[in-house]
Amino acid sequence: MTIRRNERTRKAHTLAAKQYIPATIRKLRREMKLTQAQLGKSLVTPVDQATISNWESGKTELTACQLLDIMMLFGQPNFLSFIEQYSPVEERRSA
């Protein structure tokens, strides 16, 4: 994995991830036919339904450990590769 030193690129990826991660959590949770409460109870460190709702709406951000736990639960343990499947619009134009 290459460390990206370009601040503009890093910022674009970070902002994209802030939108993509909540939507991905919601999508994968629904595919697994889990309620927000069920997902919250399934985590290594359980959280309540409101916390899952806040994550999915983007109101609050997950810790790295929480994100790793969720991605492993969904069968996606390498969440960085999973997130990199989404490229910001700015990069797609230059490609």
PDB file of N, CA and C in Angstrom:
ATOM      1  N   MET A   1       0.846  -1.174   0.000  1.00  0.00           N
ATOM      2  CA  MET A   1       0.000   0.000   0.000  1.00  0.00           C
ATOM      3  C   MET A   1       0.889   1.233   0.000  1.00  0.00           C
ATOM      4  N   THR A   2       0.590   2.180  -0.857  1.00  0.00           N
ATOM      5  CA  THR A   2       1.369   3.392  -0.971  1.00  0.00           C
ATOM      6  C   THR A   2       0.797   4.468  -0.063  1.00  0.00           C
ATOM      7  N   ILE A   3       1.670   5.157   0.651  1.00  0.00           N
ATOM      8  CA  ILE A   3       1.211   6.276   1.479  1.00  0.00           C
ATOM      9  C   ILE A   3       0.958   7.453   0.551  1.00  0.00           C
ATOM     10  N   ARG A   4      -0.223   8.008   0.667  1.00  0.00           N
ATOM     11  CA  ARG A   4      -0.574   9.141  -0.189  1.00  0.00           C
ATOM     12  C   ARG A   4      -0.186  10.430   0.514  1.00  0.00           C
ATOM     13  N   ARG A   5       0.729  11.148  -0.091  1.00  0.00           N
ATOM     14  CA  ARG A   5       1.236  12.366   0.529  1.00  0.00           C
ATOM     15  C   ARG A   5       0.518  13.609   0.026  1.00  0.00           C
ATOM     16  N   ASN A   6      -0.190  13.507  -1.067  1.00  0.00           N
ATOM     17  CA  ASN A   6      -0.876  14.650  -1.637  1.00  0.00           C
ATOM     18  C   ASN A   6      -2.069  15.018  -0.747  1.00  0.00           C
ATOM     19  N   GLU A   7      -1.995  16.186  -0.130  1.00  0.00           N
ATOM     20  CA  GLU A   7      -3.029  16.597   0.822  1.00  0.00           C
ATOM     21  C   GLU A   7      -4.409  16.676   0.168  1.00  0.00           C
ATOM     22  N   ARG A   8      -4.487  17.189  -1.028  1.00  0.00           N
ATOM     23  CA  ARG A   8      -5.776  17.312  -1.715  1.00  0.00           C
ATOM     24  C   ARG A   8      -6.406  15.940  -1.967  1.00  0.00           C
ATOM     25  N   THR A   9      -5.590  14.992  -2.381  1.00  0.00           N
ATOM     26  CA  THR A   9      -6.078  13.636  -2.626  1.00  0.00           C
ATOM     27  C   THR A   9      -6.535  12.987  -1.327  1.00  0.00           C
ATOM     28  N   ARG A  10      -5.714  13.130  -0.275  1.00  0.00           N
ATOM     29  CA  ARG A  10      -6.086  12.553   1.024  1.00  0.00           C
ATOM     30  C   ARG A  10      -7.393  13.150   1.521  1.00  0.00           C
ATOM     31  N   LYS A  11      -7.530  14.462   1.376  1.00  0.00           N
ATOM     32  CA  LYS A  11      -8.751  15.134   1.828  1.00  0.00           C
ATOM     33  C   LYS A  11      -9.959  14.631   1.044  1.00  0.00           C
ATOM     34  N   ALA A  12      -9.818  14.485  -0.262  1.00  0.00           N
ATOM     35  CA  ALA A  12     -10.924  13.991  -1.094  1.00  0.00           C
ATOM     36  C   ALA A  12     -11.337  12.586  -0.673  1.00  0.00           C
ATOM     37  N   HIS A  13     -10.352  11.722  -0.409  1.00  0.00           N
ATOM     38  CA  HIS A  13     -10.653  10.348   0.013  1.00  0.00           C
ATOM     39  C   HIS A  13     -11.313  10.330   1.392  1.00  0.00           C
ATOM     40  N   THR A  14     -10.814  11.168   2.289  1.00  0.00           N
ATOM     41  CA  THR A  14     -11.378  11.218   3.632  1.00  0.00           C
ATOM     42  C   THR A  14     -12.819  11.712   3.603  1.00  0.00           C
ATOM     43  N   LEU A  15     -13.074  12.767   2.856  1.00  0.00           N
ATOM     44  CA  LEU A  15     -14.444  13.283   2.764  1.00  0.00           C
ATOM     45  C   LEU A  15     -15.377  12.276   2.096  1.00  0.00           C
ATOM     46  N   ALA A  16     -14.873  11.591   1.087  1.00  0.00           N
ATOM     47  CA  ALA A  16     -15.680  10.560   0.425  1.00  0.00           C
ATOM     48  C   ALA A  16     -15.993   9.431   1.390  1.00  0.00           C
ATOM     49  N   ALA A  17     -14.993   9.024   2.182  1.00  0.00           N
ATOM     50  CA  ALA A  17     -15.203   7.945   3.141  1.00  0.00           C
ATOM     51  C   ALA A  17     -16.233   8.334   4.194  1.00  0.00           C
ATOM     52  N   LYS A  18     -16.245   9.605   4.593  1.00  0.00           N
ATOM     53  CA  LYS A  18     -17.224  10.065   5.583  1.00  0.00           C
ATOM     54  C   LYS A  18     -18.652   9.911   5.067  1.00  0.00           C
ATOM     55  N   GLN A  19     -18.832   9.950   3.766  1.00  0.00           N
ATOM     56  CA  GLN A  19     -20.158   9.737   3.179  1.00  0.00           C
ATOM     57  C   GLN A  19     -20.376   8.260   2.872  1.00  0.00           C
ATOM     58  N   TYR A  20     -19.328   7.595   2.412  1.00  0.00           N
ATOM     59  CA  TYR A  20     -19.445   6.222   1.946  1.00  0.00           C
ATOM     60  C   TYR A  20     -19.599   5.225   3.084  1.00  0.00           C
ATOM     61  N   ILE A  21     -18.871   5.403   4.175  1.00  0.00           N
ATOM     62  CA  ILE A  21     -18.924   4.443   5.273  1.00  0.00           C
ATOM     63  C   ILE A  21     -20.324   4.323   5.857  1.00  0.00           C
ATOM     64  N   PRO A  22     -20.997   5.424   6.221  1.00  0.00           N
ATOM     65  CA  PRO A  22     -22.352   5.275   6.766  1.00  0.00           C
ATOM     66  C   PRO A  22     -23.320   4.575   5.799  1.00  0.00           C
ATOM     67  N   ALA A  23     -23.243   4.933   4.527  1.00  0.00           N
ATOM     68  CA  ALA A  23     -24.128   4.314   3.537  1.00  0.00           C
ATOM     69  C   ALA A  23     -23.822   2.832   3.374  1.00  0.00           C
ATOM     70  N   THR A  24     -22.543   2.475   3.451  1.00  0.00           N
ATOM     71  CA  THR A  24     -22.139   1.074   3.319  1.00  0.00           C
ATOM     72  C   THR A  24     -22.609   0.257   4.511  1.00  0.00           C
ATOM     73  N   ILE A  25     -22.492   0.827   5.702  1.00  0.00           N
ATOM     74  CA  ILE A  25     -22.970   0.121   6.897  1.00  0.00           C
ATOM     75  C   ILE A  25     -24.465  -0.165   6.760  1.00  0.00           C
ATOM     76  N   ARG A  26     -25.222   0.851   6.369  1.00  0.00           N
ATOM     77  CA  ARG A  26     -26.673   0.671   6.204  1.00  0.00           C
ATOM     78  C   ARG A  26     -26.971  -0.399   5.149  1.00  0.00           C
ATOM     79  N   LYS A  27     -26.286  -0.321   4.012  1.00  0.00           N
ATOM     80  CA  LYS A  27     -26.521  -1.262   2.915  1.00  0.00           C
ATOM     81  C   LYS A  27     -26.221  -2.704   3.348  1.00  0.00           C
ATOM     82  N   LEU A  28     -25.072  -2.909   3.970  1.00  0.00           N
ATOM     83  CA  LEU A  28     -24.684  -4.259   4.374  1.00  0.00           C
ATOM     84  C   LEU A  28     -25.576  -4.778   5.500  1.00  0.00           C
ATOM     85  N   ARG A  29     -25.961  -3.901   6.426  1.00  0.00           N
ATOM     86  CA  ARG A  29     -26.864  -4.319   7.509  1.00  0.00           C
ATOM     87  C   ARG A  29     -28.188  -4.793   6.932  1.00  0.00           C
ATOM     88  N   ARG A  30     -28.712  -4.053   5.978  1.00  0.00           N
ATOM     89  CA  ARG A  30     -29.986  -4.429   5.351  1.00  0.00           C
ATOM     90  C   ARG A  30     -29.846  -5.730   4.565  1.00  0.00           C
ATOM     91  N   GLU A  31     -28.715  -5.906   3.872  1.00  0.00           N
ATOM     92  CA  GLU A  31     -28.489  -7.149   3.124  1.00  0.00           C
ATOM     93  C   GLU A  31     -28.463  -8.352   4.062  1.00  0.00           C
ATOM     94  N   MET A  32     -27.958  -8.150   5.278  1.00  0.00           N
ATOM     95  CA  MET A  32     -27.920  -9.231   6.263  1.00  0.00           C
ATOM     96  C   MET A  32     -29.239  -9.350   7.020  1.00  0.00           C
ATOM     97  N   LYS A  33     -30.191  -8.472   6.665  1.00  0.00           N
ATOM     98  CA  LYS A  33     -31.518  -8.476   7.297  1.00  0.00           C
ATOM     99  C   LYS A  33     -31.426  -8.309   8.820  1.00  0.00           C
ATOM    100  N   LEU A  34     -30.559  -7.375   9.229  1.00  0.00           N
ATOM    101  CA  LEU A  34     -30.415  -7.058  10.644  1.00  0.00           C
ATOM    102  C   LEU A  34     -31.063  -5.713  10.933  1.00  0.00           C
ATOM    103  N   THR A  35     -31.680  -5.595  12.097  1.00  0.00           N
ATOM    104  CA  THR A  35     -32.138  -4.283  12.538  1.00  0.00           C
ATOM    105  C   THR A  35     -30.933  -3.550  13.109  1.00  0.00           C
ATOM    106  N   GLN A  36     -31.090  -2.255  13.319  1.00  0.00           N
ATOM    107  CA  GLN A  36     -30.012  -1.493  13.935  1.00  0.00           C
ATOM    108  C   GLN A  36     -29.710  -2.037  15.331  1.00  0.00           C
ATOM    109  N   ALA A  37     -30.758  -2.387  16.069  1.00  0.00           N
ATOM    110  CA  ALA A  37     -30.569  -2.932  17.422  1.00  0.00           C
ATOM    111  C   ALA A  37     -29.810  -4.256  17.385  1.00  0.00           C
ATOM    112  N   GLN A  38     -30.139  -5.115  16.416  1.00  0.00           N
ATOM    113  CA  GLN A  38     -29.453  -6.409  16.304  1.00  0.00           C
ATOM    114  C   GLN A  38     -27.975  -6.219  15.977  1.00  0.00           C
ATOM    115  N   LEU A  39     -27.692  -5.299  15.054  1.00  0.00           N
ATOM    116  CA  LEU A  39     -26.294  -5.031  14.712  1.00  0.00           C
ATOM    117  C   LEU A  39     -25.554  -4.516  15.942  1.00  0.00           C
ATOM    118  N   GLY A  40     -26.157  -3.576  16.653  1.00  0.00           N
ATOM    119  CA  GLY A  40     -25.520  -3.025  17.840  1.00  0.00           C
ATOM    120  C   GLY A  40     -25.188  -4.079  18.878  1.00  0.00           C
ATOM    121  N   LYS A  41     -26.083  -5.030  19.080  1.00  0.00           N
ATOM    122  CA  LYS A  41     -25.873  -6.102  20.059  1.00  0.00           C
ATOM    123  C   LYS A  41     -24.829  -7.107  19.585  1.00  0.00           C
ATOM    124  N   SER A  42     -24.593  -7.198  18.269  1.00  0.00           N
ATOM    125  CA  SER A  42     -23.658  -8.175  17.702  1.00  0.00           C
ATOM    126  C   SER A  42     -22.203  -7.741  17.795  1.00  0.00           C
ATOM    127  N   LEU A  43     -21.962  -6.491  18.095  1.00  0.00           N
ATOM    128  CA  LEU A  43     -20.587  -5.989  18.124  1.00  0.00           C
ATOM    129  C   LEU A  43     -19.832  -6.487  19.348  1.00  0.00           C
ATOM    130  N   VAL A  44     -18.507  -6.535  19.233  1.00  0.00           N
ATOM    131  CA  VAL A  44     -17.661  -6.974  20.343  1.00  0.00           C
ATOM    132  C   VAL A  44     -17.946  -6.114  21.575  1.00  0.00           C
ATOM    133  N   THR A  45     -18.018  -4.818  21.381  1.00  0.00           N
ATOM    134  CA  THR A  45     -18.437  -3.901  22.439  1.00  0.00           C
ATOM    135  C   THR A  45     -19.810  -3.386  22.009  1.00  0.00           C
ATOM    136  N   PRO A  46     -20.873  -3.979  22.525  1.00  0.00           N
ATOM    137  CA  PRO A  46     -22.224  -3.633  22.068  1.00  0.00           C
ATOM    138  C   PRO A  46     -22.564  -2.156  22.243  1.00  0.00           C
ATOM    139  N   VAL A  47     -23.373  -1.668  21.289  1.00  0.00           N
ATOM    140  CA  VAL A  47     -23.898  -0.309  21.340  1.00  0.00           C
ATOM    141  C   VAL A  47     -25.409  -0.389  21.139  1.00  0.00           C
ATOM    142  N   ASP A  48     -26.103   0.692  21.451  1.00  0.00           N
ATOM    143  CA  ASP A  48     -27.557   0.668  21.307  1.00  0.00           C
ATOM    144  C   ASP A  48     -27.982   1.052  19.890  1.00  0.00           C
ATOM    145  N   GLN A  49     -29.265   0.914  19.624  1.00  0.00           N
ATOM    146  CA  GLN A  49     -29.838   1.194  18.301  1.00  0.00           C
ATOM    147  C   GLN A  49     -29.586   2.636  17.879  1.00  0.00           C
ATOM    148  N   ALA A  50     -29.676   3.570  18.829  1.00  0.00           N
ATOM    149  CA  ALA A  50     -29.487   4.990  18.508  1.00  0.00           C
ATOM    150  C   ALA A  50     -28.066   5.254  17.993  1.00  0.00           C
ATOM    151  N   THR A  51     -27.101   4.550  18.533  1.00  0.00           N
ATOM    152  CA  THR A  51     -25.717   4.716  18.075  1.00  0.00           C
ATOM    153  C   THR A  51     -25.568   4.259  16.630  1.00  0.00           C
ATOM    154  N   ILE A  52     -26.153   3.111  16.302  1.00  0.00           N
ATOM    155  CA  ILE A  52     -26.108   2.625  14.913  1.00  0.00           C
ATOM    156  C   ILE A  52     -26.801   3.635  13.994  1.00  0.00           C
ATOM    157  N   SER A  53     -27.929   4.147  14.416  1.00  0.00           N
ATOM    158  CA  SER A  53     -28.655   5.148  13.640  1.00  0.00           C
ATOM    159  C   SER A  53     -27.782   6.380  13.400  1.00  0.00           C
ATOM    160  N   ASN A  54     -27.099   6.823  14.438  1.00  0.00           N
ATOM    161  CA  ASN A  54     -26.214   7.994  14.295  1.00  0.00           C
ATOM    162  C   ASN A  54     -25.056   7.709  13.353  1.00  0.00           C
ATOM    163  N   TRP A  55     -24.507   6.499  13.405  1.00  0.00           N
ATOM    164  CA  TRP A  55     -23.432   6.145  12.473  1.00  0.00           C
ATOM    165  C   TRP A  55     -23.949   6.150  11.043  1.00  0.00           C
ATOM    166  N   GLU A  56     -25.104   5.526  10.831  1.00  0.00           N
ATOM    167  CA  GLU A  56     -25.645   5.403   9.471  1.00  0.00           C
ATOM    168  C   GLU A  56     -26.059   6.757   8.894  1.00  0.00           C
ATOM    169  N   SER A  57     -26.440   7.678   9.738  1.00  0.00           N
ATOM    170  CA  SER A  57     -26.847   9.002   9.256  1.00  0.00           C
ATOM    171  C   SER A  57     -25.654   9.951   9.145  1.00  0.00           C
ATOM    172  N   GLY A  58     -24.501   9.525   9.663  1.00  0.00           N
ATOM    173  CA  GLY A  58     -23.316  10.369   9.624  1.00  0.00           C
ATOM    174  C   GLY A  58     -23.257  11.393  10.743  1.00  0.00           C
ATOM    175  N   LYS A  59     -24.162  11.310  11.701  1.00  0.00           N
ATOM    176  CA  LYS A  59     -24.162  12.260  12.823  1.00  0.00           C
ATOM    177  C   LYS A  59     -22.952  12.070  13.720  1.00  0.00           C
ATOM    178  N   THR A  60     -22.542  10.823  13.897  1.00  0.00           N
ATOM    179  CA  THR A  60     -21.339  10.526  14.672  1.00  0.00           C
ATOM    180  C   THR A  60     -20.467   9.575  13.875  1.00  0.00           C
ATOM    181  N   GLU A  61     -19.178   9.567  14.199  1.00  0.00           N
ATOM    182  CA  GLU A  61     -18.230   8.708  13.500  1.00  0.00           C
ATOM    183  C   GLU A  61     -17.823   7.539  14.380  1.00  0.00           C
ATOM    184  N   LEU A  62     -17.551   6.435  13.742  1.00  0.00           N
ATOM    185  CA  LEU A  62     -17.093   5.241  14.444  1.00  0.00           C
ATOM    186  C   LEU A  62     -15.613   5.372  14.762  1.00  0.00           C
ATOM    187  N   THR A  63     -15.177   4.641  15.777  1.00  0.00           N
ATOM    188  CA  THR A  63     -13.739   4.518  15.993  1.00  0.00           C
ATOM    189  C   THR A  63     -13.208   3.507  14.977  1.00  0.00           C
ATOM    190  N   ALA A  64     -11.906   3.468  14.831  1.00  0.00           N
ATOM    191  CA  ALA A  64     -11.295   2.497  13.918  1.00  0.00           C
ATOM    192  C   ALA A  64     -11.624   1.075  14.352  1.00  0.00           C
ATOM    193  N   CYS A  65     -11.625   0.829  15.649  1.00  0.00           N
ATOM    194  CA  CYS A  65     -11.930  -0.518  16.153  1.00  0.00           C
ATOM    195  C   CYS A  65     -13.384  -0.899  15.881  1.00  0.00           C
ATOM    196  N   GLN A  66     -14.293   0.045  16.029  1.00  0.00           N
ATOM    197  CA  GLN A  66     -15.704  -0.226  15.742  1.00  0.00           C
ATOM    198  C   GLN A  66     -15.901  -0.520  14.257  1.00  0.00           C
ATOM    199  N   LEU A  67     -15.253   0.250  13.407  1.00  0.00           N
ATOM    200  CA  LEU A  67     -15.364   0.025  11.971  1.00  0.00           C
ATOM    201  C   LEU A  67     -14.791  -1.339  11.604  1.00  0.00           C
ATOM    202  N   LEU A  68     -13.649  -1.684  12.167  1.00  0.00           N
ATOM    203  CA  LEU A  68     -13.053  -2.988  11.901  1.00  0.00           C
ATOM    204  C   LEU A  68     -13.995  -4.111  12.343  1.00  0.00           C
ATOM    205  N   ASP A  69     -14.590  -3.974  13.513  1.00  0.00           N
ATOM    206  CA  ASP A  69     -15.527  -4.973  14.027  1.00  0.00           C
ATOM    207  C   ASP A  69     -16.715  -5.140  13.071  1.00  0.00           C
ATOM    208  N   ILE A  70     -17.272  -4.040  12.623  1.00  0.00           N
ATOM    209  CA  ILE A  70     -18.423  -4.103  11.710  1.00  0.00           C
ATOM    210  C   ILE A  70     -18.037  -4.741  10.386  1.00  0.00           C
ATOM    211  N   MET A  71     -16.901  -4.343   9.824  1.00  0.00           N
ATOM    212  CA  MET A  71     -16.500  -4.892   8.536  1.00  0.00           C
ATOM    213  C   MET A  71     -16.202  -6.387   8.653  1.00  0.00           C
ATOM    214  N   MET A  72     -15.633  -6.828   9.774  1.00  0.00           N
ATOM    215  CA  MET A  72     -15.392  -8.258   9.975  1.00  0.00           C
ATOM    216  C   MET A  72     -16.719  -8.992  10.121  1.00  0.00           C
ATOM    217  N   LEU A  73     -17.661  -8.391  10.812  1.00  0.00           N
ATOM    218  CA  LEU A  73     -18.993  -8.978  10.965  1.00  0.00           C
ATOM    219  C   LEU A  73     -19.654  -9.152   9.597  1.00  0.00           C
ATOM    220  N   PHE A  74     -19.438  -8.198   8.703  1.00  0.00           N
ATOM    221  CA  PHE A  74     -20.014  -8.247   7.365  1.00  0.00           C
ATOM    222  C   PHE A  74     -19.167  -9.043   6.378  1.00  0.00           C
ATOM    223  N   GLY A  75     -18.071  -9.651   6.868  1.00  0.00           N
ATOM    224  CA  GLY A  75     -17.227 -10.455   5.982  1.00  0.00           C
ATOM    225  C   GLY A  75     -16.295  -9.631   5.128  1.00  0.00           C
ATOM    226  N   GLN A  76     -15.981  -8.417   5.564  1.00  0.00           N
ATOM    227  CA  GLN A  76     -15.090  -7.520   4.840  1.00  0.00           C
ATOM    228  C   GLN A  76     -13.960  -7.072   5.773  1.00  0.00           C
ATOM    229  N   PRO A  77     -13.078  -7.976   6.221  1.00  0.00           N
ATOM    230  CA  PRO A  77     -12.086  -7.607   7.227  1.00  0.00           C
ATOM    231  C   PRO A  77     -11.070  -6.571   6.771  1.00  0.00           C
ATOM    232  N   ASN A  78     -10.824  -6.458   5.486  1.00  0.00           N
ATOM    233  CA  ASN A  78      -9.886  -5.448   4.999  1.00  0.00           C
ATOM    234  C   ASN A  78     -10.670  -4.219   4.567  1.00  0.00           C
ATOM    235  N   PHE A  79     -11.072  -3.407   5.547  1.00  0.00           N
ATOM    236  CA  PHE A  79     -11.961  -2.295   5.236  1.00  0.00           C
ATOM    237  C   PHE A  79     -11.288  -1.210   4.417  1.00  0.00           C
ATOM    238  N   LEU A  80      -9.966  -1.082   4.466  1.00  0.00           N
ATOM    239  CA  LEU A  80      -9.305  -0.069   3.648  1.00  0.00           C
ATOM    240  C   LEU A  80      -9.449  -0.398   2.166  1.00  0.00           C
ATOM    241  N   SER A  81      -9.239  -1.660   1.805  1.00  0.00           N
ATOM    242  CA  SER A  81      -9.432  -2.057   0.408  1.00  0.00           C
ATOM    243  C   SER A  81     -10.885  -1.902  -0.007  1.00  0.00           C
ATOM    244  N   PHE A  82     -11.774  -2.231   0.919  1.00  0.00           N
ATOM    245  CA  PHE A  82     -13.200  -2.117   0.634  1.00  0.00           C
ATOM    246  C   PHE A  82     -13.574  -0.668   0.358  1.00  0.00           C
ATOM    247  N   ILE A  83     -13.064   0.255   1.169  1.00  0.00           N
ATOM    248  CA  ILE A  83     -13.361   1.677   0.997  1.00  0.00           C
ATOM    249  C   ILE A  83     -12.726   2.209  -0.285  1.00  0.00           C
ATOM    250  N   GLU A  84     -11.528   1.710  -0.638  1.00  0.00           N
ATOM    251  CA  GLU A  84     -10.841   2.201  -1.823  1.00  0.00           C
ATOM    252  C   GLU A  84     -11.573   1.856  -3.121  1.00  0.00           C
ATOM    253  N   GLN A  85     -12.561   0.980  -3.058  1.00  0.00           N
ATOM    254  CA  GLN A  85     -13.359   0.683  -4.246  1.00  0.00           C
ATOM    255  C   GLN A  85     -14.122   1.921  -4.704  1.00  0.00           C
ATOM    256  N   TYR A  86     -14.304   2.863  -3.799  1.00  0.00           N
ATOM    257  CA  TYR A  86     -14.994   4.105  -4.108  1.00  0.00           C
ATOM    258  C   TYR A  86     -13.948   5.175  -4.332  1.00  0.00           C
ATOM    259  N   SER A  87     -13.942   5.776  -5.507  1.00  0.00           N
ATOM    260  CA  SER A  87     -12.978   6.844  -5.760  1.00  0.00           C
ATOM    261  C   SER A  87     -13.719   8.162  -5.910  1.00  0.00           C
ATOM    262  N   PRO A  88     -13.205   9.215  -5.300  1.00  0.00           N
ATOM    263  CA  PRO A  88     -13.851  10.520  -5.395  1.00  0.00           C
ATOM    264  C   PRO A  88     -13.981  10.993  -6.836  1.00  0.00           C
ATOM    265  N   VAL A  89     -14.966  11.796  -7.099  1.00  0.00           N
ATOM    266  CA  VAL A  89     -15.244  12.316  -8.445  1.00  0.00           C
ATOM    267  C   VAL A  89     -14.022  13.014  -9.005  1.00  0.00           C
ATOM    268  N   GLU A  90     -13.324  13.767  -8.180  1.00  0.00           N
ATOM    269  CA  GLU A  90     -12.161  14.521  -8.617  1.00  0.00           C
ATOM    270  C   GLU A  90     -11.111  13.601  -9.244  1.00  0.00           C
ATOM    271  N   GLU A  91     -10.882  12.436  -8.666  1.00  0.00           N
ATOM    272  CA  GLU A  91      -9.884  11.507  -9.197  1.00  0.00           C
ATOM    273  C   GLU A  91     -10.365  10.849 -10.464  1.00  0.00           C
ATOM    274  N   ARG A  92     -11.656  10.566 -10.575  1.00  0.00           N
ATOM    275  CA  ARG A  92     -12.170   9.904 -11.768  1.00  0.00           C
ATOM    276  C   ARG A  92     -12.009  10.798 -12.974  1.00  0.00           C
ATOM    277  N   ARG A  93     -12.131  12.121 -12.808  1.00  0.00           N
ATOM    278  CA  ARG A  93     -11.964  13.049 -13.922  1.00  0.00           C
ATOM    279  C   ARG A  93     -10.547  13.038 -14.457  1.00  0.00           C
ATOM    280  N   SER A  94      -9.566  12.924 -13.538  1.00  0.00           N
ATOM    281  CA  SER A  94      -8.168  12.976 -13.970  1.00  0.00           C
ATOM    282  C   SER A  94      -7.667  11.651 -14.509  1.00  0.00           C
ATOM    283  N   ALA A  95      -8.405  10.587 -14.299  1.00  0.00           N
ATOM    284  CA  ALA A  95      -7.955   9.271 -14.749  1.00  0.00           C
ATOM    285  C   ALA A  95      -8.162   9.056 -16.233  1.00  0.00           C
TER     286      ALA A  95
END
